[in-house]
Amino acid sequence: MPEFKEAKGFIDEILAIREKVHYIFGNKSLKDYRHFFAKPNFSRPNFELVADILYWLAQKYDPQSDISDDINEEKDRVEFMRTVVNLFAVKARIKLNAKKLYQADSEAVAEILKITSVLYKICELGARLYDAVAREPDLRKVRLQALEFLDGMNGVSDGNDQAYIESCIKTIIQQQDENTREMTKYVANMEHEQRQLEEKLKKKSAELERSEKRYRNLVTVKPAFMEEYERLEQELASLQETYVNKYRNLDYL
């Protein structure tokens, strides 16, 4: 089976990458390296730490890479960053922002996490493909048995097997038709309930709008008895003042 061999060759390449990822991280999870990315380490630019992490990742990913760890001068730092970005772009297809890495702050951490995230995704993909390849012999056996059964049907004279299969297929089709009808009915009921809820919501919204309008009118309109109330209030205040004055006078006398 040429197609299977070709697919297996591709999977072997993925598994090789998976092994490289395991080698890079020493079979540890990213949380074991969390101390590298602690916020205090990047409260201000820390180019030396960023360079150490990038150099470590680059050497682990490709030990044959020719990357100098000399970052004493500006031109050396620029060359270092250019080489690392080019390495991961060409060999790992990871696009990094050299400017953010050079800033060596929290944005640089986000760029570094691009590398670790992609590598772990490759690792997970390799594991899934490996599991799929491991199940291939059993699946192939089942496929061959099914093909042999179907090929044998052509030589059956009484047609019992074919009739049985046709009956099973018809039963499945009937079940699917019934499921489709039930689902259509369910959807129709849901749409009906939705329309009812929308009508109720529309009515409640109209009632709320009317109530708010009535409330605004009550706030702005002065009641009919308010003028008399204010007049009586003024008279009461005058009478109170008169009473107090007379009481004081009597007390003085």
Protein backbone atom coordinates (compact mmCIF):
# COMPACT_ATOMS: atom_id res chain seq x y z
CA MET A 1 0.00 0.00 0.00
CA PRO A 2 2.06 3.00 -1.26
CA GLU A 3 -0.29 5.55 0.31
CA PHE A 4 0.15 4.01 3.73
CA LYS A 5 3.93 3.92 3.37
CA GLU A 6 3.97 7.57 2.35
CA ALA A 7 1.76 8.53 5.29
CA LYS A 8 3.91 6.48 7.64
CA GLY A 9 6.99 8.29 6.37
CA PHE A 10 5.37 11.62 7.16
CA ILE A 11 4.36 10.40 10.60
CA ASP A 12 7.91 9.20 11.23
CA GLU A 13 9.09 12.75 10.56
CA ILE A 14 6.52 14.09 13.02
CA LEU A 15 7.61 11.56 15.61
CA ALA A 16 11.21 12.65 15.11
CA ILE A 17 10.15 16.20 15.88
CA ARG A 18 8.24 14.90 18.89
CA GLU A 19 11.35 13.22 20.20
CA LYS A 20 13.26 16.46 19.67
CA VAL A 21 10.66 18.36 21.70
CA HIS A 22 10.94 15.82 24.52
CA TYR A 23 14.70 16.25 24.36
CA ILE A 24 14.38 20.03 24.49
CA PHE A 25 12.23 20.06 27.59
CA GLY A 26 13.66 16.98 29.22
CA ASN A 27 10.18 15.39 29.48
CA LYS A 28 9.10 18.26 31.72
CA SER A 29 6.13 20.54 31.33
CA LEU A 30 6.34 24.27 30.80
CA LYS A 31 5.44 24.91 34.42
CA ASP A 32 8.85 23.55 35.44
CA TYR A 33 10.39 26.56 33.65
CA ARG A 34 7.90 29.09 35.01
CA HIS A 35 10.56 30.75 37.15
CA PHE A 36 12.17 31.97 33.90
CA PHE A 37 9.09 34.04 33.13
CA ALA A 38 8.35 35.47 36.58
CA LYS A 39 7.09 39.06 36.39
CA PRO A 40 9.83 40.49 38.65
CA ASN A 41 12.41 39.29 36.13
CA PHE A 42 10.85 41.52 33.47
CA SER A 43 9.69 44.49 35.52
CA ARG A 44 12.33 46.31 33.49
CA PRO A 45 14.26 45.30 30.34
CA ASN A 46 16.39 42.21 30.98
CA PHE A 47 18.18 41.43 27.73
CA GLU A 48 20.66 39.03 29.30
CA LEU A 49 17.88 36.78 30.62
CA VAL A 50 16.02 36.86 27.30
CA ALA A 51 19.23 36.01 25.47
CA ASP A 52 19.94 33.12 27.87
CA ILE A 53 16.47 31.63 27.28
CA LEU A 54 16.65 32.04 23.50
CA TYR A 55 20.16 30.59 23.36
CA TRP A 56 19.09 27.64 25.47
CA LEU A 57 16.02 26.97 23.29
CA ALA A 58 18.03 27.34 20.08
CA GLN A 59 20.79 24.98 21.24
CA LYS A 60 18.30 22.40 22.45
CA TYR A 61 16.25 22.59 19.26
CA ASP A 62 19.26 22.51 16.94
CA PRO A 63 22.55 21.63 18.66
CA GLN A 64 24.35 22.11 15.33
CA SER A 65 23.24 25.73 15.03
CA ASP A 66 26.05 28.27 14.88
CA ILE A 67 24.91 30.92 17.35
CA SER A 68 27.31 33.05 19.32
CA ASP A 69 26.41 33.86 22.91
CA ASP A 70 28.53 37.01 22.86
CA ILE A 71 26.18 39.93 23.56
CA ASN A 72 28.60 42.43 25.08
CA GLU A 73 28.22 45.05 22.36
CA GLU A 74 25.15 46.35 20.56
CA LYS A 75 26.15 44.91 17.19
CA ASP A 76 26.63 41.51 18.86
CA ARG A 77 23.16 41.68 20.39
CA VAL A 78 21.61 42.62 17.07
CA GLU A 79 23.41 39.77 15.30
CA PHE A 80 22.41 37.32 18.04
CA MET A 81 18.75 38.29 17.77
CA ARG A 82 18.82 38.14 13.96
CA THR A 83 20.35 34.66 14.01
CA VAL A 84 17.87 33.27 16.54
CA VAL A 85 14.84 34.72 14.76
CA ASN A 86 16.08 33.34 11.43
CA LEU A 87 16.71 29.89 12.97
CA PHE A 88 13.19 29.44 14.27
CA ALA A 89 11.66 30.99 11.15
CA VAL A 90 13.48 28.63 8.77
CA LYS A 91 13.66 25.40 10.76
CA ALA A 92 10.56 25.59 12.97
CA ARG A 93 8.38 27.98 10.91
CA ILE A 94 7.86 30.17 13.98
CA LYS A 95 7.59 33.86 13.15
CA LEU A 96 9.09 36.00 15.90
CA ASN A 97 9.12 39.76 16.35
CA ALA A 98 12.78 40.66 16.71
CA LYS A 99 11.97 44.17 17.93
CA LYS A 100 9.85 42.90 20.85
CA LEU A 101 12.49 40.34 21.74
CA TYR A 102 15.16 43.02 21.71
CA GLN A 103 13.07 45.12 24.12
CA ALA A 104 13.54 42.27 26.64
CA ASP A 105 10.39 43.10 28.62
CA SER A 106 7.00 41.45 29.08
CA GLU A 107 6.37 41.58 25.32
CA ALA A 108 9.52 39.53 24.84
CA VAL A 109 8.01 36.86 27.10
CA ALA A 110 5.01 36.63 24.77
CA GLU A 111 7.35 36.05 21.82
CA ILE A 112 9.28 33.35 23.69
CA LEU A 113 6.02 31.60 24.56
CA LYS A 114 5.32 31.36 20.83
CA ILE A 115 8.28 29.00 20.58
CA THR A 116 7.30 26.79 23.50
CA SER A 117 3.62 26.72 22.48
CA VAL A 118 4.37 25.64 18.92
CA LEU A 119 6.82 22.98 20.07
CA TYR A 120 4.30 21.52 22.47
CA LYS A 121 1.61 21.51 19.79
CA ILE A 122 3.98 19.55 17.55
CA CYS A 123 4.58 17.17 20.43
CA GLU A 124 0.86 16.60 20.96
CA LEU A 125 0.28 16.12 17.23
CA GLY A 126 3.06 13.58 17.07
CA ALA A 127 1.58 11.66 19.99
CA ARG A 128 -1.85 11.52 18.34
CA LEU A 129 -0.41 10.40 15.03
CA TYR A 130 1.68 7.79 16.81
CA ASP A 131 -1.44 6.40 18.48
CA ALA A 132 -3.25 6.36 15.13
CA VAL A 133 -0.39 4.44 13.51
CA ALA A 134 -0.33 2.01 16.42
CA ARG A 135 -4.03 1.20 15.81
CA GLU A 136 -3.55 0.82 12.04
CA PRO A 137 -2.85 -2.98 12.05
CA ASP A 138 -6.12 -3.70 13.88
CA LEU A 139 -8.08 -1.28 11.70
CA ARG A 140 -6.53 -2.75 8.56
CA LYS A 141 -7.56 -6.22 9.66
CA VAL A 142 -11.16 -5.10 10.12
CA ARG A 143 -11.14 -3.38 6.73
CA LEU A 144 -9.86 -6.52 5.01
CA GLN A 145 -12.53 -8.62 6.70
CA ALA A 146 -15.23 -6.21 5.53
CA LEU A 147 -13.84 -6.23 1.98
CA GLU A 148 -13.71 -10.03 1.95
CA PHE A 149 -17.30 -10.18 3.15
CA LEU A 150 -18.47 -7.76 0.46
CA ASP A 151 -16.50 -9.61 -2.22
CA GLY A 152 -18.08 -12.88 -1.06
CA MET A 153 -21.53 -11.42 -1.45
CA ASN A 154 -21.08 -11.38 -5.23
CA GLY A 155 -20.85 -15.17 -5.22
CA VAL A 156 -23.83 -15.84 -2.99
CA SER A 157 -26.68 -17.34 -5.04
CA ASP A 158 -29.58 -17.18 -2.62
CA GLY A 159 -29.03 -13.52 -1.84
CA ASN A 160 -29.73 -13.97 1.90
CA ASP A 161 -26.75 -11.90 2.99
CA GLN A 162 -27.57 -9.15 0.54
CA ALA A 163 -31.20 -9.14 1.65
CA TYR A 164 -30.11 -8.93 5.28
CA ILE A 165 -27.81 -6.01 4.56
CA GLU A 166 -30.51 -4.24 2.58
CA SER A 167 -32.92 -4.77 5.46
CA CYS A 168 -30.40 -3.33 7.93
CA ILE A 169 -29.79 -0.34 5.69
CA LYS A 170 -33.52 0.28 5.35
CA THR A 171 -33.91 0.07 9.12
CA ILE A 172 -31.11 2.58 9.61
CA ILE A 173 -32.65 4.89 7.01
CA GLN A 174 -36.03 4.66 8.73
CA GLN A 175 -34.43 5.44 12.08
CA GLN A 176 -32.64 8.42 10.60
CA ASP A 177 -35.86 9.62 8.96
CA GLU A 178 -37.64 9.32 12.30
CA ASN A 179 -34.82 11.20 14.02
CA THR A 180 -35.01 13.88 11.33
CA ARG A 181 -38.77 14.25 11.82
CA GLU A 182 -38.35 14.46 15.58
CA MET A 183 -35.62 17.05 15.20
CA THR A 184 -37.72 19.05 12.73
CA LYS A 185 -40.64 18.96 15.17
CA TYR A 186 -38.36 19.99 18.00
CA VAL A 187 -36.96 22.89 15.98
CA ALA A 188 -40.47 23.99 15.02
CA ASN A 189 -41.53 23.96 18.69
CA MET A 190 -38.47 25.93 19.65
CA GLU A 191 -39.18 28.50 16.94
CA HIS A 192 -42.80 28.75 18.13
CA GLU A 193 -41.66 29.28 21.73
CA GLN A 194 -39.15 31.84 20.54
CA ARG A 195 -41.86 33.78 18.73
CA GLN A 196 -44.06 33.68 21.83
CA LEU A 197 -41.22 34.92 23.99
CA GLU A 198 -40.48 37.68 21.50
CA GLU A 199 -44.15 38.74 21.57
CA LYS A 200 -44.15 38.74 25.38
CA LEU A 201 -40.94 40.70 25.41
CA LYS A 202 -42.39 43.20 22.96
CA LYS A 203 -45.50 43.64 25.12
CA LYS A 204 -43.48 44.02 28.30
CA SER A 205 -41.23 46.54 26.58
CA ALA A 206 -44.27 48.54 25.46
CA GLU A 207 -45.72 48.43 29.01
CA LEU A 208 -42.40 49.53 30.45
CA GLU A 209 -42.20 52.41 27.98
CA ARG A 210 -45.74 53.52 28.87
CA SER A 211 -44.98 53.30 32.59
CA GLU A 212 -41.81 55.35 32.18
CA LYS A 213 -43.71 57.94 30.17
CA ARG A 214 -46.42 58.11 32.84
CA TYR A 215 -43.81 58.47 35.53
CA ARG A 216 -42.11 61.34 33.69
CA ASN A 217 -45.49 63.07 33.34
CA LEU A 218 -46.22 62.68 37.04
CA VAL A 219 -42.83 64.12 37.93
CA THR A 220 -43.25 67.17 35.73
CA VAL A 221 -46.98 67.85 36.34
CA LYS A 222 -47.86 69.77 39.51
CA PRO A 223 -50.81 68.25 41.44
CA ALA A 224 -54.01 70.33 41.63
CA PHE A 225 -53.91 70.61 45.46
CA MET A 226 -50.26 71.65 45.57
CA GLU A 227 -51.00 75.42 45.42
CA GLU A 228 -53.43 75.22 48.33
CA TYR A 229 -50.96 73.07 50.26
CA GLU A 230 -48.19 75.64 49.79
CA ARG A 231 -50.55 78.50 50.83
CA LEU A 232 -51.61 76.66 53.96
CA GLU A 233 -48.00 75.88 54.73
CA GLN A 234 -47.13 79.57 54.59
CA GLU A 235 -50.09 80.46 56.83
CA LEU A 236 -49.03 77.80 59.31
CA ALA A 237 -45.53 79.21 59.40
CA SER A 238 -46.94 82.71 60.04
CA LEU A 239 -49.23 81.46 62.80
CA GLN A 240 -46.33 79.58 64.36
CA GLU A 241 -44.25 82.73 64.41
CA THR A 242 -47.13 84.74 65.95
CA TYR A 243 -47.66 82.07 68.59
CA VAL A 244 -44.00 82.02 69.54
CA ASN A 245 -43.87 85.81 69.85
CA LYS A 246 -46.98 85.95 72.05
CA TYR A 247 -45.66 83.12 74.25
CA ARG A 248 -42.38 84.97 74.71
CA ASN A 249 -44.20 88.22 75.56
CA LEU A 250 -46.41 86.51 78.12
CA ASP A 251 -43.43 84.78 79.63
CA TYR A 252 -41.58 88.09 79.86
CA LEU A 253 -44.53 89.77 81.60
